[in-house]
Each structure stands twice: as structure tokens, then as C-alpha cells.
Amino acid sequence: AVPAAAVGDAITLGIRPQDLAGTAGDITISVEVDLVEQLGGSSHVHGRALGSSHFIAEQAGAQFCEGKHIGLSLDSDRVHLFDQDGQRLTTA
């Protein structure tokens, strides 16, 4: 059985970089851009969000500036939650 979190439990939010987009999606995350790696047709955006020390997003055809805040969106069904032991939690 997949465990579920209780109110007050610490959890880790997992998001795959390719699941983030500049628009669309029902969740928006504000990211402070620390570094942008240009990789041909896409960019890897490194930054900080949600109290995390490191956050990476993969974006195609977009320009980002270091030091700026950007909003990245994703669909809630693409979010993965983990307990303190690294076990995946249910989201329903």
C-alpha cells in the first residue's frame, strides 16, 4: 500500500524539469533564476523556489535572465510527493 501523509508531516515535493512550462497548468511556482544554461533549442533554468536551495526547469524557446523571478506552471497530476523516508505518497 502507498502511504499517505498526515497533517503536519514534512514532505518533499518532486517535479520533473520537463513538466514545467512558462504558461498553462493549474499550479504556478515562483522561481528566482540563479543560472541559465543555453542548450541549443532549450534552456536549463537553475534557481530557488519553495524554500529549496536548488531547482531546475527545462524550457524550450524562452529567454530568462539571472536574478529575475519567473513563474513556471505545471499540472497538479505531474507533482510527486515523498515522505521523510523517500517513499512516494498518494496525492488523492
Protein backbone atom coordinates (compact mmCIF):
# COMPACT_ATOMS: atom_id res chain seq x y z
CA ALA A 1 0.00 0.00 0.00
CA VAL A 2 1.14 3.52 -0.73
CA PRO A 3 1.45 5.61 2.46
CA ALA A 4 -0.42 8.87 3.00
CA ALA A 5 0.83 11.95 4.87
CA ALA A 6 -0.84 13.28 7.98
CA VAL A 7 -1.36 16.98 8.73
CA GLY A 8 1.93 18.41 9.95
CA ASP A 9 4.16 15.75 8.38
CA ALA A 10 7.20 17.00 6.47
CA ILE A 11 7.04 16.10 2.79
CA THR A 12 9.25 16.56 -0.26
CA LEU A 13 7.74 17.91 -3.47
CA GLY A 14 9.13 16.29 -6.63
CA ILE A 15 8.70 17.83 -10.07
CA ARG A 16 10.43 16.70 -13.25
CA PRO A 17 12.09 19.66 -15.05
CA GLN A 18 10.38 18.83 -18.36
CA ASP A 19 6.94 19.04 -16.69
CA LEU A 20 7.30 22.78 -16.00
CA ALA A 21 6.15 25.39 -18.52
CA GLY A 22 6.01 29.17 -18.73
CA THR A 23 2.22 29.06 -19.16
CA ALA A 24 -0.75 26.72 -18.64
CA GLY A 25 -1.22 24.36 -15.74
CA ASP A 26 -3.15 24.63 -12.50
CA ILE A 27 -0.12 25.22 -10.22
CA THR A 28 2.28 28.16 -10.59
CA ILE A 29 5.64 28.32 -8.81
CA SER A 30 7.74 31.46 -8.49
CA VAL A 31 11.41 30.74 -9.17
CA GLU A 32 14.35 33.09 -8.62
CA VAL A 33 16.75 32.41 -11.52
CA ASP A 34 20.38 31.79 -10.48
CA LEU A 35 21.83 30.36 -13.69
CA VAL A 36 20.64 29.73 -17.25
CA GLU A 37 22.29 27.05 -19.41
CA GLN A 38 21.56 27.50 -23.13
CA LEU A 39 21.37 24.06 -24.72
CA GLY A 40 20.54 24.70 -28.35
CA GLY A 41 16.74 24.76 -28.64
CA SER A 42 16.11 24.62 -24.89
CA SER A 43 17.46 26.05 -21.66
CA HIS A 44 18.01 24.63 -18.20
CA VAL A 45 17.00 27.20 -15.61
CA HIS A 46 18.63 26.76 -12.19
CA GLY A 47 17.15 28.67 -9.31
CA ARG A 48 15.42 28.67 -5.94
CA ALA A 49 11.76 28.04 -5.19
CA LEU A 50 9.56 26.84 -2.34
CA GLY A 51 12.39 27.12 0.17
CA SER A 52 14.58 24.80 -1.92
CA SER A 53 18.24 25.53 -2.36
CA HIS A 54 18.22 24.18 -5.91
CA PHE A 55 15.54 23.97 -8.56
CA ILE A 56 15.89 23.11 -12.26
CA ALA A 57 13.42 23.67 -15.10
CA GLU A 58 13.80 22.75 -18.76
CA GLN A 59 12.34 25.32 -21.15
CA ALA A 60 12.26 25.40 -24.95
CA GLY A 61 12.41 28.66 -26.88
CA ALA A 62 12.32 31.01 -23.89
CA GLN A 63 14.79 33.63 -22.67
CA PHE A 64 15.50 34.04 -18.94
CA CYS A 65 17.68 36.47 -17.01
CA GLU A 66 19.69 35.60 -13.94
CA GLY A 67 18.47 37.34 -10.79
CA LYS A 68 14.88 37.66 -12.01
CA HIS A 69 11.78 35.89 -10.68
CA ILE A 70 9.78 33.85 -13.17
CA GLY A 71 6.52 31.97 -12.87
CA LEU A 72 6.52 28.34 -14.01
CA SER A 73 3.35 26.28 -14.26
CA LEU A 74 2.55 22.60 -14.16
CA ASP A 75 -0.45 20.33 -13.94
CA SER A 76 -1.11 19.01 -10.44
CA ASP A 77 -1.17 15.44 -11.76
CA ARG A 78 2.55 15.84 -12.59
CA VAL A 79 3.51 16.53 -8.93
CA HIS A 80 5.13 13.75 -6.89
CA LEU A 81 5.12 13.76 -3.07
CA PHE A 82 7.52 11.84 -0.81
CA ASP A 83 7.68 11.27 2.94
CA GLN A 84 10.79 11.78 5.10
CA ASP A 85 11.99 8.28 4.19
CA GLY A 86 11.72 8.95 0.45
CA GLN A 87 8.61 6.80 0.00
CA ARG A 88 6.13 8.10 -2.57
CA LEU A 89 2.86 9.36 -1.08
CA THR A 90 -0.62 9.26 -2.53
CA THR A 91 -1.92 12.55 -3.93
CA ALA A 92 -5.64 11.73 -3.96
